[in-house]
Amino acid sequence: MTEFKGLTGNQLKIIALISMTLDHVGVELLPQFEILRIIGRIAFPIFAFMISEGCRYTKNRKKYLLLMSSLAVIFQIVYFVATRSLYQCVLVTFSFAIGLIYIFDYTCKRKSFFSVSILVFYLCALLFICRILPLFLIDFYFSIDYGFFGILLPLCIYIGKTHKQKLVMLTVGLIILAIDLGNFQPYSLITVCFLALYNGKRGKRSMKYLFYFYYPLHLIIIYAVGFIPQILR
């Protein structure tokens, strides 16, 4: 019998992809099945955890941010053309989160008034985008997926040095997020059990780009399936 050695980063991401897919099926196709939304709460914390790990270990930080933000921009353009909505997807959330982690690192290294000012300005800008701007763009349904505290979550995890510290910071962040968003969000705390099994290994490198492109592709398929009944009427 093979000894269980924990879950790799890729295995956790696959769990997150399955959870996310079920969540979006629940939103767009089967809203009567709330269990799909509950299962879906597992996805975001896993991805947030892996984003913090990616920022810590990536060899090319600029490329990491550029890839995430480029996919976010492309997806948002297509989404706006299709729906006329300015709702900002989780790729935007994580792009802001990566930028926040980089600025936080810069501030910790420089420890200057200038670097602290940049961090404070960035946080204020995020707060404005997440809390104030939606009030002016309400007709376009503008909002950031998971909001201000969703952007902060990867940084909270990043601050932790040991795995236990990361899990504690994740738990605190998820509790705050649950209070902020309510609804099904408290179920996201289940994720801590999965991440407690993380063995610190990434897994097969060949799966890297699957996780970047799966998000827009699976949504396109779900939206297409949702349009079929309208076409057949």
C-alpha atoms as a PDB file:
ATOM      1  CA  MET A   1       0.000   0.000   0.000  1.00  0.00           C
ATOM      2  CA  THR A   2       1.355   3.411  -1.004  1.00  0.00           C
ATOM      3  CA  GLU A   3       1.939   5.748   1.919  1.00  0.00           C
ATOM      4  CA  PHE A   4      -0.075   8.964   1.769  1.00  0.00           C
ATOM      5  CA  LYS A   5       2.367  11.866   1.568  1.00  0.00           C
ATOM      6  CA  GLY A   6      -0.071  14.735   1.570  1.00  0.00           C
ATOM      7  CA  LEU A   7      -1.478  16.796  -1.280  1.00  0.00           C
ATOM      8  CA  THR A   8       0.647  18.656  -3.821  1.00  0.00           C
ATOM      9  CA  GLY A   9      -0.167  22.130  -5.040  1.00  0.00           C
ATOM     10  CA  ASN A  10      -1.502  20.744  -8.313  1.00  0.00           C
ATOM     11  CA  GLN A  11      -3.757  18.255  -6.536  1.00  0.00           C
ATOM     12  CA  LEU A  12      -5.179  21.033  -4.393  1.00  0.00           C
ATOM     13  CA  LYS A  13      -5.736  23.173  -7.486  1.00  0.00           C
ATOM     14  CA  ILE A  14      -7.615  20.315  -9.165  1.00  0.00           C
ATOM     15  CA  ILE A  15      -9.864  20.115  -6.090  1.00  0.00           C
ATOM     16  CA  ALA A  16     -10.364  23.874  -6.392  1.00  0.00           C
ATOM     17  CA  LEU A  17     -11.173  23.627 -10.119  1.00  0.00           C
ATOM     18  CA  ILE A  18     -13.820  20.961  -9.483  1.00  0.00           C
ATOM     19  CA  SER A  19     -15.266  23.011  -6.632  1.00  0.00           C
ATOM     20  CA  MET A  20     -15.287  26.187  -8.735  1.00  0.00           C
ATOM     21  CA  THR A  21     -16.951  24.444 -11.673  1.00  0.00           C
ATOM     22  CA  LEU A  22     -19.724  23.061  -9.456  1.00  0.00           C
ATOM     23  CA  ASP A  23     -20.178  26.524  -7.943  1.00  0.00           C
ATOM     24  CA  HIS A  24     -20.596  28.182 -11.341  1.00  0.00           C
ATOM     25  CA  VAL A  25     -22.949  25.429 -12.507  1.00  0.00           C
ATOM     26  CA  GLY A  26     -24.965  26.180  -9.379  1.00  0.00           C
ATOM     27  CA  VAL A  27     -25.023  29.905 -10.146  1.00  0.00           C
ATOM     28  CA  GLU A  28     -25.830  29.739 -13.860  1.00  0.00           C
ATOM     29  CA  LEU A  29     -27.631  26.441 -14.476  1.00  0.00           C
ATOM     30  CA  LEU A  30     -28.910  24.845 -11.256  1.00  0.00           C
ATOM     31  CA  PRO A  31     -29.578  27.608  -8.686  1.00  0.00           C
ATOM     32  CA  GLN A  32     -32.057  25.374  -6.850  1.00  0.00           C
ATOM     33  CA  PHE A  33     -29.218  23.114  -5.675  1.00  0.00           C
ATOM     34  CA  GLU A  34     -27.585  25.124  -2.886  1.00  0.00           C
ATOM     35  CA  ILE A  35     -25.178  22.284  -2.131  1.00  0.00           C
ATOM     36  CA  LEU A  36     -23.279  23.264  -5.294  1.00  0.00           C
ATOM     37  CA  ARG A  37     -22.717  26.763  -3.895  1.00  0.00           C
ATOM     38  CA  ILE A  38     -21.575  25.301  -0.570  1.00  0.00           C
ATOM     39  CA  ILE A  39     -19.058  23.010  -2.290  1.00  0.00           C
ATOM     40  CA  GLY A  40     -17.964  26.003  -4.343  1.00  0.00           C
ATOM     41  CA  ARG A  41     -16.733  27.833  -1.235  1.00  0.00           C
ATOM     42  CA  ILE A  42     -13.689  25.543  -1.234  1.00  0.00           C
ATOM     43  CA  ALA A  43     -12.210  27.006  -4.423  1.00  0.00           C
ATOM     44  CA  PHE A  44     -11.299  30.614  -3.598  1.00  0.00           C
ATOM     45  CA  PRO A  45      -9.290  29.924  -0.402  1.00  0.00           C
ATOM     46  CA  ILE A  46      -7.240  27.231  -2.156  1.00  0.00           C
ATOM     47  CA  PHE A  47      -6.459  29.535  -5.068  1.00  0.00           C
ATOM     48  CA  ALA A  48      -5.659  32.388  -2.656  1.00  0.00           C
ATOM     49  CA  PHE A  49      -3.263  30.107  -0.777  1.00  0.00           C
ATOM     50  CA  MET A  50      -1.565  29.049  -4.013  1.00  0.00           C
ATOM     51  CA  ILE A  51      -1.316  32.655  -5.179  1.00  0.00           C
ATOM     52  CA  SER A  52       0.601  33.495  -2.008  1.00  0.00           C
ATOM     53  CA  GLU A  53       2.857  30.472  -2.574  1.00  0.00           C
ATOM     54  CA  GLY A  54       3.370  31.498  -6.191  1.00  0.00           C
ATOM     55  CA  CYS A  55       4.430  34.996  -5.142  1.00  0.00           C
ATOM     56  CA  ARG A  56       6.872  33.502  -2.639  1.00  0.00           C
ATOM     57  CA  TYR A  57       8.550  31.001  -4.962  1.00  0.00           C
ATOM     58  CA  THR A  58       8.163  32.249  -8.543  1.00  0.00           C
ATOM     59  CA  LYS A  59      11.425  32.950 -10.363  1.00  0.00           C
ATOM     60  CA  ASN A  60       9.915  35.742 -12.456  1.00  0.00           C
ATOM     61  CA  ARG A  61       7.557  37.973 -10.504  1.00  0.00           C
ATOM     62  CA  LYS A  62       6.892  40.334 -13.415  1.00  0.00           C
ATOM     63  CA  LYS A  63       5.857  37.454 -15.673  1.00  0.00           C
ATOM     64  CA  TYR A  64       3.635  36.025 -12.940  1.00  0.00           C
ATOM     65  CA  LEU A  65       1.762  39.311 -12.511  1.00  0.00           C
ATOM     66  CA  LEU A  66       1.664  40.029 -16.249  1.00  0.00           C
ATOM     67  CA  LEU A  67       0.149  36.639 -17.080  1.00  0.00           C
ATOM     68  CA  MET A  68      -2.552  36.935 -14.423  1.00  0.00           C
ATOM     69  CA  SER A  69      -3.451  40.536 -15.271  1.00  0.00           C
ATOM     70  CA  SER A  70      -3.414  39.904 -19.048  1.00  0.00           C
ATOM     71  CA  LEU A  71      -5.868  37.030 -18.696  1.00  0.00           C
ATOM     72  CA  ALA A  72      -8.004  39.210 -16.435  1.00  0.00           C
ATOM     73  CA  VAL A  73      -8.137  42.059 -18.968  1.00  0.00           C
ATOM     74  CA  ILE A  74      -8.940  39.758 -21.896  1.00  0.00           C
ATOM     75  CA  PHE A  75     -11.676  37.973 -19.973  1.00  0.00           C
ATOM     76  CA  GLN A  76     -13.226  41.224 -18.741  1.00  0.00           C
ATOM     77  CA  ILE A  77     -13.385  42.664 -22.266  1.00  0.00           C
ATOM     78  CA  VAL A  78     -15.144  39.559 -23.577  1.00  0.00           C
ATOM     79  CA  TYR A  79     -17.439  39.456 -20.546  1.00  0.00           C
ATOM     80  CA  PHE A  80     -18.432  43.114 -20.948  1.00  0.00           C
ATOM     81  CA  VAL A  81     -19.166  42.707 -24.664  1.00  0.00           C
ATOM     82  CA  ALA A  82     -21.344  39.678 -23.901  1.00  0.00           C
ATOM     83  CA  THR A  83     -23.180  40.982 -20.821  1.00  0.00           C
ATOM     84  CA  ARG A  84     -22.610  44.765 -20.619  1.00  0.00           C
ATOM     85  CA  SER A  85     -21.682  44.161 -16.991  1.00  0.00           C
ATOM     86  CA  LEU A  86     -18.591  45.533 -15.237  1.00  0.00           C
ATOM     87  CA  TYR A  87     -18.511  42.749 -12.668  1.00  0.00           C
ATOM     88  CA  GLN A  88     -14.811  42.011 -12.088  1.00  0.00           C
ATOM     89  CA  CYS A  89     -13.895  38.324 -11.999  1.00  0.00           C
ATOM     90  CA  VAL A  90     -11.568  36.549  -9.583  1.00  0.00           C
ATOM     91  CA  LEU A  91      -8.658  36.988 -12.009  1.00  0.00           C
ATOM     92  CA  VAL A  92      -8.894  40.730 -11.321  1.00  0.00           C
ATOM     93  CA  THR A  93      -9.036  40.024  -7.582  1.00  0.00           C
ATOM     94  CA  PHE A  94      -5.863  37.964  -7.738  1.00  0.00           C
ATOM     95  CA  SER A  95      -4.094  40.492  -9.991  1.00  0.00           C
ATOM     96  CA  PHE A  96      -4.679  43.160  -7.340  1.00  0.00           C
ATOM     97  CA  ALA A  97      -3.601  40.679  -4.640  1.00  0.00           C
ATOM     98  CA  ILE A  98      -0.307  39.881  -6.382  1.00  0.00           C
ATOM     99  CA  GLY A  99       0.397  43.596  -6.773  1.00  0.00           C
ATOM    100  CA  LEU A 100      -0.342  44.099  -3.072  1.00  0.00           C
ATOM    101  CA  ILE A 101       2.072  41.338  -2.046  1.00  0.00           C
ATOM    102  CA  TYR A 102       4.846  42.797  -4.216  1.00  0.00           C
ATOM    103  CA  ILE A 103       4.335  46.271  -2.751  1.00  0.00           C
ATOM    104  CA  PHE A 104       4.257  44.794   0.767  1.00  0.00           C
ATOM    105  CA  ASP A 105       7.586  43.049   0.108  1.00  0.00           C
ATOM    106  CA  TYR A 106       9.063  46.260  -1.296  1.00  0.00           C
ATOM    107  CA  THR A 107       7.927  48.153   1.807  1.00  0.00           C
ATOM    108  CA  CYS A 108       9.419  45.547   4.171  1.00  0.00           C
ATOM    109  CA  LYS A 109      12.775  45.682   2.365  1.00  0.00           C
ATOM    110  CA  ARG A 110      13.079  49.454   2.005  1.00  0.00           C
ATOM    111  CA  LYS A 111      11.359  50.507   5.247  1.00  0.00           C
ATOM    112  CA  SER A 112      11.249  54.084   4.004  1.00  0.00           C
ATOM    113  CA  PHE A 113       8.572  56.760   4.138  1.00  0.00           C
ATOM    114  CA  PHE A 114       8.236  56.503   0.353  1.00  0.00           C
ATOM    115  CA  SER A 115       7.647  52.748   0.355  1.00  0.00           C
ATOM    116  CA  VAL A 116       5.133  52.963   3.211  1.00  0.00           C
ATOM    117  CA  SER A 117       3.343  55.761   1.352  1.00  0.00           C
ATOM    118  CA  ILE A 118       3.039  53.562  -1.740  1.00  0.00           C
ATOM    119  CA  LEU A 119       1.552  50.733   0.328  1.00  0.00           C
ATOM    120  CA  VAL A 120      -0.937  53.044   2.056  1.00  0.00           C
ATOM    121  CA  PHE A 121      -1.913  54.637  -1.269  1.00  0.00           C
ATOM    122  CA  TYR A 122      -2.426  51.222  -2.884  1.00  0.00           C
ATOM    123  CA  LEU A 123      -4.603  50.042   0.011  1.00  0.00           C
ATOM    124  CA  CYS A 124      -6.661  53.242  -0.131  1.00  0.00           C
ATOM    125  CA  ALA A 125      -7.055  52.831  -3.895  1.00  0.00           C
ATOM    126  CA  LEU A 126      -8.236  49.246  -3.426  1.00  0.00           C
ATOM    127  CA  LEU A 127     -10.675  50.340  -0.737  1.00  0.00           C
ATOM    128  CA  PHE A 128     -12.049  53.016  -3.086  1.00  0.00           C
ATOM    129  CA  ILE A 129     -12.378  50.559  -5.983  1.00  0.00           C
ATOM    130  CA  CYS A 130     -14.074  47.911  -3.847  1.00  0.00           C
ATOM    131  CA  ARG A 131     -16.297  50.047  -1.616  1.00  0.00           C
ATOM    132  CA  ILE A 132     -16.904  53.469  -3.194  1.00  0.00           C
ATOM    133  CA  LEU A 133     -16.696  53.029  -6.974  1.00  0.00           C
ATOM    134  CA  PRO A 134     -19.511  50.421  -7.106  1.00  0.00           C
ATOM    135  CA  LEU A 135     -21.892  53.098  -5.766  1.00  0.00           C
ATOM    136  CA  PHE A 136     -21.254  55.213  -8.873  1.00  0.00           C
ATOM    137  CA  LEU A 137     -21.391  52.309 -11.326  1.00  0.00           C
ATOM    138  CA  ILE A 138     -24.401  50.509  -9.911  1.00  0.00           C
ATOM    139  CA  ASP A 139     -26.143  50.445 -13.313  1.00  0.00           C
ATOM    140  CA  PHE A 140     -23.229  48.439 -14.713  1.00  0.00           C
ATOM    141  CA  TYR A 141     -23.154  46.005 -11.752  1.00  0.00           C
ATOM    142  CA  PHE A 142     -19.554  46.960 -10.982  1.00  0.00           C
ATOM    143  CA  SER A 143     -17.952  45.050  -8.136  1.00  0.00           C
ATOM    144  CA  ILE A 144     -14.795  43.078  -7.437  1.00  0.00           C
ATOM    145  CA  ASP A 145     -15.240  39.350  -6.875  1.00  0.00           C
ATOM    146  CA  TYR A 146     -14.763  38.663  -3.127  1.00  0.00           C
ATOM    147  CA  GLY A 147     -14.200  42.376  -2.526  1.00  0.00           C
ATOM    148  CA  PHE A 148     -11.543  44.166  -0.493  1.00  0.00           C
ATOM    149  CA  PHE A 149     -10.975  41.368   2.009  1.00  0.00           C
ATOM    150  CA  GLY A 150     -10.727  38.851  -0.830  1.00  0.00           C
ATOM    151  CA  ILE A 151      -7.794  40.855  -2.183  1.00  0.00           C
ATOM    152  CA  LEU A 152      -6.194  40.942   1.275  1.00  0.00           C
ATOM    153  CA  LEU A 153      -6.499  37.181   1.847  1.00  0.00           C
ATOM    154  CA  PRO A 154      -3.413  36.076  -0.175  1.00  0.00           C
ATOM    155  CA  LEU A 155      -1.344  38.714   1.658  1.00  0.00           C
ATOM    156  CA  CYS A 156      -2.571  37.422   5.033  1.00  0.00           C
ATOM    157  CA  ILE A 157      -1.403  33.934   4.069  1.00  0.00           C
ATOM    158  CA  TYR A 158       1.865  35.295   2.649  1.00  0.00           C
ATOM    159  CA  ILE A 159       2.714  36.943   5.967  1.00  0.00           C
ATOM    160  CA  GLY A 160       2.806  33.530   7.651  1.00  0.00           C
ATOM    161  CA  LYS A 161       6.273  31.953   7.626  1.00  0.00           C
ATOM    162  CA  THR A 162       5.531  28.382   8.704  1.00  0.00           C
ATOM    163  CA  HIS A 163       2.710  26.222   7.366  1.00  0.00           C
ATOM    164  CA  LYS A 164       0.859  26.447  10.690  1.00  0.00           C
ATOM    165  CA  GLN A 165       1.137  30.234  10.656  1.00  0.00           C
ATOM    166  CA  LYS A 166      -0.215  30.323   7.105  1.00  0.00           C
ATOM    167  CA  LEU A 167      -3.203  28.197   8.130  1.00  0.00           C
ATOM    168  CA  VAL A 168      -3.884  30.450  11.123  1.00  0.00           C
ATOM    169  CA  MET A 169      -3.733  33.566   8.934  1.00  0.00           C
ATOM    170  CA  LEU A 170      -5.951  31.869   6.352  1.00  0.00           C
ATOM    171  CA  THR A 171      -8.502  30.990   9.030  1.00  0.00           C
ATOM    172  CA  VAL A 172      -8.577  34.549  10.371  1.00  0.00           C
ATOM    173  CA  GLY A 173      -8.916  35.916   6.835  1.00  0.00           C
ATOM    174  CA  LEU A 174     -11.758  33.526   5.996  1.00  0.00           C
ATOM    175  CA  ILE A 175     -13.649  34.446   9.172  1.00  0.00           C
ATOM    176  CA  ILE A 176     -13.401  38.140   8.253  1.00  0.00           C
ATOM    177  CA  LEU A 177     -14.461  37.350   4.680  1.00  0.00           C
ATOM    178  CA  ALA A 178     -17.418  35.302   5.955  1.00  0.00           C
ATOM    179  CA  ILE A 179     -18.547  38.199   8.157  1.00  0.00           C
ATOM    180  CA  ASP A 180     -18.190  40.601   5.225  1.00  0.00           C
ATOM    181  CA  LEU A 181     -19.935  38.511   2.564  1.00  0.00           C
ATOM    182  CA  GLY A 182     -22.235  36.276   4.607  1.00  0.00           C
ATOM    183  CA  ASN A 183     -24.474  33.874   2.647  1.00  0.00           C
ATOM    184  CA  PHE A 184     -22.584  30.617   1.948  1.00  0.00           C
ATOM    185  CA  GLN A 185     -19.152  32.073   2.741  1.00  0.00           C
ATOM    186  CA  PRO A 186     -18.738  30.523   6.240  1.00  0.00           C
ATOM    187  CA  TYR A 187     -18.473  27.126   4.532  1.00  0.00           C
ATOM    188  CA  SER A 188     -15.133  28.266   3.103  1.00  0.00           C
ATOM    189  CA  LEU A 189     -13.547  27.357   6.452  1.00  0.00           C
ATOM    190  CA  ILE A 190     -13.778  23.715   5.349  1.00  0.00           C
ATOM    191  CA  THR A 191     -10.839  24.531   3.075  1.00  0.00           C
ATOM    192  CA  VAL A 192      -8.462  24.677   6.036  1.00  0.00           C
ATOM    193  CA  CYS A 193      -8.791  20.876   6.349  1.00  0.00           C
ATOM    194  CA  PHE A 194      -7.633  20.391   2.748  1.00  0.00           C
ATOM    195  CA  LEU A 195      -4.759  22.860   3.033  1.00  0.00           C
ATOM    196  CA  ALA A 196      -3.597  21.226   6.271  1.00  0.00           C
ATOM    197  CA  LEU A 197      -2.672  18.249   4.050  1.00  0.00           C
ATOM    198  CA  TYR A 198      -0.513  20.378   1.715  1.00  0.00           C
ATOM    199  CA  ASN A 199       2.989  18.873   1.517  1.00  0.00           C
ATOM    200  CA  GLY A 200       4.688  21.953   0.092  1.00  0.00           C
ATOM    201  CA  LYS A 201       5.371  20.374  -3.303  1.00  0.00           C
ATOM    202  CA  ARG A 202       4.072  21.894  -6.528  1.00  0.00           C
ATOM    203  CA  GLY A 203       3.444  18.749  -8.556  1.00  0.00           C
ATOM    204  CA  LYS A 204       3.788  18.330 -12.303  1.00  0.00           C
ATOM    205  CA  ARG A 205       4.966  21.518 -13.992  1.00  0.00           C
ATOM    206  CA  SER A 206       3.204  20.498 -17.230  1.00  0.00           C
ATOM    207  CA  MET A 207      -0.154  21.370 -15.639  1.00  0.00           C
ATOM    208  CA  LYS A 208       0.833  24.981 -15.003  1.00  0.00           C
ATOM    209  CA  TYR A 209      -1.071  26.628 -17.848  1.00  0.00           C
ATOM    210  CA  LEU A 210      -4.157  24.443 -17.366  1.00  0.00           C
ATOM    211  CA  PHE A 211      -4.958  26.369 -14.214  1.00  0.00           C
ATOM    212  CA  TYR A 212      -4.642  29.740 -15.959  1.00  0.00           C
ATOM    213  CA  PHE A 213      -6.840  28.975 -18.963  1.00  0.00           C
ATOM    214  CA  TYR A 214      -9.419  26.680 -17.379  1.00  0.00           C
ATOM    215  CA  TYR A 215     -11.216  29.590 -15.715  1.00  0.00           C
ATOM    216  CA  PRO A 216     -12.341  31.448 -18.869  1.00  0.00           C
ATOM    217  CA  LEU A 217     -12.882  28.257 -20.870  1.00  0.00           C
ATOM    218  CA  HIS A 218     -15.188  26.564 -18.353  1.00  0.00           C
ATOM    219  CA  LEU A 219     -17.252  29.744 -17.985  1.00  0.00           C
ATOM    220  CA  ILE A 220     -17.683  30.008 -21.751  1.00  0.00           C
ATOM    221  CA  ILE A 221     -18.969  26.420 -21.830  1.00  0.00           C
ATOM    222  CA  ILE A 222     -21.346  26.991 -18.900  1.00  0.00           C
ATOM    223  CA  TYR A 223     -22.708  30.215 -20.435  1.00  0.00           C
ATOM    224  CA  ALA A 224     -23.144  28.454 -23.789  1.00  0.00           C
ATOM    225  CA  VAL A 225     -25.119  25.639 -22.160  1.00  0.00           C
ATOM    226  CA  GLY A 226     -27.242  28.247 -20.394  1.00  0.00           C
ATOM    227  CA  PHE A 227     -28.099  29.919 -23.719  1.00  0.00           C
ATOM    228  CA  ILE A 228     -29.298  26.688 -25.364  1.00  0.00           C
ATOM    229  CA  PRO A 229     -32.834  26.797 -23.853  1.00  0.00           C
ATOM    230  CA  GLN A 230     -33.216  30.414 -25.018  1.00  0.00           C
ATOM    231  CA  ILE A 231     -32.186  29.487 -28.555  1.00  0.00           C
ATOM    232  CA  LEU A 232     -34.614  26.548 -28.681  1.00  0.00           C
ATOM    233  CA  ARG A 233     -37.616  28.647 -27.619  1.00  0.00           C
END
